[in-house]
Amino acid sequence: MEHQHERAEAVVRRLSRAIGHLQAVKRMVEEGRDCAEVLTQLAAVKSAINNVGKVILQDHLEHCIVEAVQQGDHGALDELNSAIDRFIK
């Protein structure tokens, strides 16, 4: 289901931050920085991406899923479960 995400600006800002972290990790590796520092930055990237996923999931639940269920589309719940499974792998 396509729609304008309620929190699109926040998602884009968070993604930009995650991209910045990932670019910093790349530079760190290229510079031969300490592995522990690189791993710490990678953890920050993972956390940022997970937080983006949480925002998108919340938006999806509050809007897409509620609307789909109200319209009798219970297949949307199966799609949501599949999406969550892929996200948490």
N, C-alpha and C. Protein backbone atom coordinates (compact mmCIF):
# COMPACT_ATOMS: atom_id res chain seq x y z
N MET A 1 0.85 -1.17 0.00
CA MET A 1 0.00 0.00 0.00
C MET A 1 0.89 1.24 0.00
N GLU A 2 0.76 2.08 -0.99
CA GLU A 2 1.56 3.29 -1.08
C GLU A 2 0.83 4.43 -0.38
N HIS A 3 1.61 5.24 0.32
CA HIS A 3 1.07 6.43 0.95
C HIS A 3 2.21 7.33 1.38
N GLN A 4 1.88 8.54 1.76
CA GLN A 4 2.88 9.45 2.30
C GLN A 4 3.06 9.09 3.77
N HIS A 5 4.27 8.75 4.14
CA HIS A 5 4.53 8.39 5.53
C HIS A 5 4.38 9.62 6.41
N GLU A 6 3.72 9.45 7.52
CA GLU A 6 3.51 10.54 8.46
C GLU A 6 4.83 11.12 8.96
N ARG A 7 5.79 10.26 9.15
CA ARG A 7 7.06 10.68 9.74
C ARG A 7 8.20 10.64 8.71
N ALA A 8 7.89 10.94 7.46
CA ALA A 8 8.89 10.83 6.39
C ALA A 8 10.12 11.70 6.66
N GLU A 9 9.92 12.91 7.11
CA GLU A 9 11.06 13.79 7.37
C GLU A 9 11.95 13.23 8.47
N ALA A 10 11.35 12.71 9.52
CA ALA A 10 12.13 12.12 10.61
C ALA A 10 12.90 10.90 10.13
N VAL A 11 12.27 10.10 9.28
CA VAL A 11 12.92 8.91 8.74
C VAL A 11 14.11 9.32 7.88
N VAL A 12 13.94 10.32 7.03
CA VAL A 12 15.02 10.77 6.16
C VAL A 12 16.18 11.32 7.00
N ARG A 13 15.88 12.08 8.04
CA ARG A 13 16.94 12.60 8.93
C ARG A 13 17.69 11.45 9.59
N ARG A 14 16.97 10.47 10.09
CA ARG A 14 17.61 9.32 10.74
C ARG A 14 18.46 8.52 9.76
N LEU A 15 17.95 8.35 8.55
CA LEU A 15 18.72 7.63 7.53
C LEU A 15 19.99 8.40 7.17
N SER A 16 19.89 9.70 7.07
CA SER A 16 21.07 10.52 6.79
C SER A 16 22.12 10.36 7.88
N ARG A 17 21.67 10.32 9.12
CA ARG A 17 22.59 10.11 10.24
C ARG A 17 23.25 8.74 10.15
N ALA A 18 22.46 7.72 9.83
CA ALA A 18 23.01 6.36 9.70
C ALA A 18 24.02 6.29 8.57
N ILE A 19 23.72 6.97 7.46
CA ILE A 19 24.66 7.00 6.34
C ILE A 19 25.95 7.68 6.76
N GLY A 20 25.84 8.75 7.50
CA GLY A 20 27.03 9.44 8.01
C GLY A 20 27.87 8.53 8.89
N HIS A 21 27.21 7.80 9.78
CA HIS A 21 27.93 6.84 10.63
C HIS A 21 28.63 5.78 9.79
N LEU A 22 27.93 5.27 8.79
CA LEU A 22 28.50 4.22 7.95
C LEU A 22 29.70 4.73 7.15
N GLN A 23 29.61 5.96 6.67
CA GLN A 23 30.75 6.56 5.97
C GLN A 23 31.93 6.72 6.93
N ALA A 24 31.65 7.07 8.18
CA ALA A 24 32.71 7.19 9.17
C ALA A 24 33.37 5.84 9.43
N VAL A 25 32.58 4.79 9.46
CA VAL A 25 33.12 3.44 9.64
C VAL A 25 34.04 3.09 8.47
N LYS A 26 33.61 3.41 7.27
CA LYS A 26 34.43 3.13 6.09
C LYS A 26 35.77 3.85 6.20
N ARG A 27 35.74 5.13 6.58
CA ARG A 27 36.99 5.89 6.73
C ARG A 27 37.88 5.27 7.81
N MET A 28 37.24 4.86 8.90
CA MET A 28 38.00 4.25 9.99
C MET A 28 38.74 3.00 9.52
N VAL A 29 38.06 2.17 8.74
CA VAL A 29 38.68 0.95 8.22
C VAL A 29 39.81 1.32 7.27
N GLU A 30 39.56 2.28 6.39
CA GLU A 30 40.59 2.71 5.45
C GLU A 30 41.82 3.26 6.16
N GLU A 31 41.60 3.91 7.29
CA GLU A 31 42.70 4.50 8.07
C GLU A 31 43.37 3.49 8.99
N GLY A 32 42.81 2.29 9.06
CA GLY A 32 43.40 1.26 9.92
C GLY A 32 43.16 1.50 11.40
N ARG A 33 42.02 2.10 11.73
CA ARG A 33 41.70 2.39 13.13
C ARG A 33 41.46 1.12 13.91
N ASP A 34 41.50 1.23 15.20
CA ASP A 34 41.34 0.12 16.13
C ASP A 34 40.01 -0.60 15.88
N CYS A 35 40.08 -1.93 15.88
CA CYS A 35 38.89 -2.76 15.61
C CYS A 35 37.77 -2.48 16.61
N ALA A 36 38.11 -2.28 17.85
CA ALA A 36 37.08 -2.02 18.88
C ALA A 36 36.34 -0.72 18.56
N GLU A 37 37.05 0.29 18.09
CA GLU A 37 36.41 1.56 17.72
C GLU A 37 35.49 1.36 16.52
N VAL A 38 35.95 0.57 15.55
CA VAL A 38 35.14 0.29 14.36
C VAL A 38 33.86 -0.45 14.76
N LEU A 39 34.01 -1.44 15.63
CA LEU A 39 32.84 -2.20 16.07
C LEU A 39 31.85 -1.32 16.83
N THR A 40 32.36 -0.38 17.61
CA THR A 40 31.49 0.55 18.34
C THR A 40 30.69 1.40 17.36
N GLN A 41 31.35 1.87 16.31
CA GLN A 41 30.65 2.67 15.31
C GLN A 41 29.65 1.83 14.52
N LEU A 42 30.01 0.58 14.24
CA LEU A 42 29.06 -0.31 13.56
C LEU A 42 27.81 -0.53 14.41
N ALA A 43 28.01 -0.63 15.71
CA ALA A 43 26.86 -0.78 16.61
C ALA A 43 25.96 0.45 16.52
N ALA A 44 26.56 1.62 16.38
CA ALA A 44 25.77 2.85 16.25
C ALA A 44 24.97 2.83 14.95
N VAL A 45 25.57 2.33 13.88
CA VAL A 45 24.88 2.22 12.59
C VAL A 45 23.69 1.27 12.72
N LYS A 46 23.92 0.10 13.31
CA LYS A 46 22.84 -0.88 13.49
C LYS A 46 21.71 -0.28 14.31
N SER A 47 22.06 0.42 15.37
CA SER A 47 21.05 1.03 16.22
C SER A 47 20.24 2.07 15.46
N ALA A 48 20.93 2.89 14.67
CA ALA A 48 20.24 3.92 13.89
C ALA A 48 19.27 3.29 12.90
N ILE A 49 19.70 2.24 12.22
CA ILE A 49 18.84 1.57 11.25
C ILE A 49 17.65 0.90 11.95
N ASN A 50 17.91 0.27 13.09
CA ASN A 50 16.81 -0.34 13.84
C ASN A 50 15.79 0.71 14.27
N ASN A 51 16.27 1.89 14.67
CA ASN A 51 15.36 2.95 15.08
C ASN A 51 14.53 3.46 13.91
N VAL A 52 15.12 3.53 12.73
CA VAL A 52 14.35 3.90 11.53
C VAL A 52 13.26 2.86 11.29
N GLY A 53 13.63 1.59 11.41
CA GLY A 53 12.64 0.52 11.24
C GLY A 53 11.49 0.64 12.22
N LYS A 54 11.80 1.00 13.46
CA LYS A 54 10.75 1.16 14.48
C LYS A 54 9.80 2.28 14.11
N VAL A 55 10.33 3.39 13.62
CA VAL A 55 9.48 4.52 13.23
C VAL A 55 8.57 4.11 12.07
N ILE A 56 9.14 3.44 11.08
CA ILE A 56 8.34 3.00 9.92
C ILE A 56 7.30 1.97 10.35
N LEU A 57 7.68 1.05 11.21
CA LEU A 57 6.74 0.05 11.69
C LEU A 57 5.58 0.70 12.45
N GLN A 58 5.90 1.66 13.30
CA GLN A 58 4.85 2.34 14.06
C GLN A 58 3.88 3.05 13.11
N ASP A 59 4.43 3.73 12.10
CA ASP A 59 3.60 4.41 11.12
C ASP A 59 2.72 3.41 10.37
N HIS A 60 3.32 2.28 10.01
CA HIS A 60 2.59 1.25 9.28
C HIS A 60 1.44 0.69 10.12
N LEU A 61 1.72 0.43 11.38
CA LEU A 61 0.69 -0.10 12.26
C LEU A 61 -0.45 0.91 12.46
N GLU A 62 -0.08 2.16 12.73
CA GLU A 62 -1.08 3.17 13.05
C GLU A 62 -1.94 3.57 11.86
N HIS A 63 -1.42 3.40 10.66
CA HIS A 63 -2.16 3.88 9.50
C HIS A 63 -2.54 2.74 8.55
N CYS A 64 -1.56 2.09 7.97
CA CYS A 64 -1.84 1.07 6.95
C CYS A 64 -2.61 -0.12 7.51
N ILE A 65 -2.16 -0.65 8.61
CA ILE A 65 -2.79 -1.85 9.17
C ILE A 65 -4.18 -1.52 9.70
N VAL A 66 -4.31 -0.42 10.41
CA VAL A 66 -5.63 -0.03 10.93
C VAL A 66 -6.61 0.13 9.77
N GLU A 67 -6.18 0.84 8.74
CA GLU A 67 -7.05 1.05 7.58
C GLU A 67 -7.39 -0.26 6.88
N ALA A 68 -6.40 -1.13 6.71
CA ALA A 68 -6.64 -2.41 6.03
C ALA A 68 -7.63 -3.27 6.81
N VAL A 69 -7.47 -3.34 8.11
CA VAL A 69 -8.38 -4.15 8.93
C VAL A 69 -9.79 -3.56 8.90
N GLN A 70 -9.89 -2.24 8.95
CA GLN A 70 -11.21 -1.60 8.88
C GLN A 70 -11.91 -1.91 7.56
N GLN A 71 -11.11 -2.11 6.50
CA GLN A 71 -11.68 -2.43 5.20
C GLN A 71 -11.81 -3.93 4.98
N GLY A 72 -11.50 -4.71 6.02
CA GLY A 72 -11.66 -6.16 5.94
C GLY A 72 -10.51 -6.89 5.29
N ASP A 73 -9.39 -6.21 5.08
CA ASP A 73 -8.21 -6.84 4.45
C ASP A 73 -7.32 -7.44 5.53
N HIS A 74 -7.64 -8.66 5.92
CA HIS A 74 -6.86 -9.31 6.97
C HIS A 74 -5.56 -9.91 6.44
N GLY A 75 -5.40 -9.95 5.11
CA GLY A 75 -4.15 -10.37 4.51
C GLY A 75 -3.01 -9.40 4.84
N ALA A 76 -3.38 -8.16 5.16
CA ALA A 76 -2.37 -7.16 5.53
C ALA A 76 -1.62 -7.59 6.78
N LEU A 77 -2.29 -8.32 7.67
CA LEU A 77 -1.64 -8.80 8.88
C LEU A 77 -0.59 -9.86 8.55
N ASP A 78 -0.89 -10.72 7.58
CA ASP A 78 0.10 -11.71 7.13
C ASP A 78 1.31 -11.02 6.51
N GLU A 79 1.05 -9.99 5.71
CA GLU A 79 2.15 -9.23 5.11
C GLU A 79 2.99 -8.55 6.18
N LEU A 80 2.33 -8.02 7.20
CA LEU A 80 3.04 -7.38 8.31
C LEU A 80 3.93 -8.38 9.03
N ASN A 81 3.40 -9.55 9.30
CA ASN A 81 4.21 -10.59 9.96
C ASN A 81 5.43 -10.95 9.14
N SER A 82 5.26 -11.09 7.84
CA SER A 82 6.39 -11.40 6.96
C SER A 82 7.42 -10.27 6.98
N ALA A 83 6.95 -9.04 6.94
CA ALA A 83 7.86 -7.90 6.95
C ALA A 83 8.63 -7.84 8.27
N ILE A 84 7.96 -8.11 9.37
CA ILE A 84 8.64 -8.11 10.68
C ILE A 84 9.68 -9.22 10.72
N ASP A 85 9.35 -10.39 10.22
CA ASP A 85 10.31 -11.49 10.18
C ASP A 85 11.57 -11.11 9.40
N ARG A 86 11.38 -10.47 8.25
CA ARG A 86 12.54 -10.07 7.45
C ARG A 86 13.33 -8.98 8.17
N PHE A 87 12.67 -8.07 8.84
CA PHE A 87 13.33 -6.96 9.51
C PHE A 87 14.20 -7.44 10.69
N ILE A 88 13.70 -8.43 11.44
CA ILE A 88 14.43 -8.82 12.64
C ILE A 88 15.49 -9.88 12.39
N LYS A 89 15.64 -10.33 11.16
CA LYS A 89 16.69 -11.33 10.87
C LYS A 89 18.05 -10.72 10.95
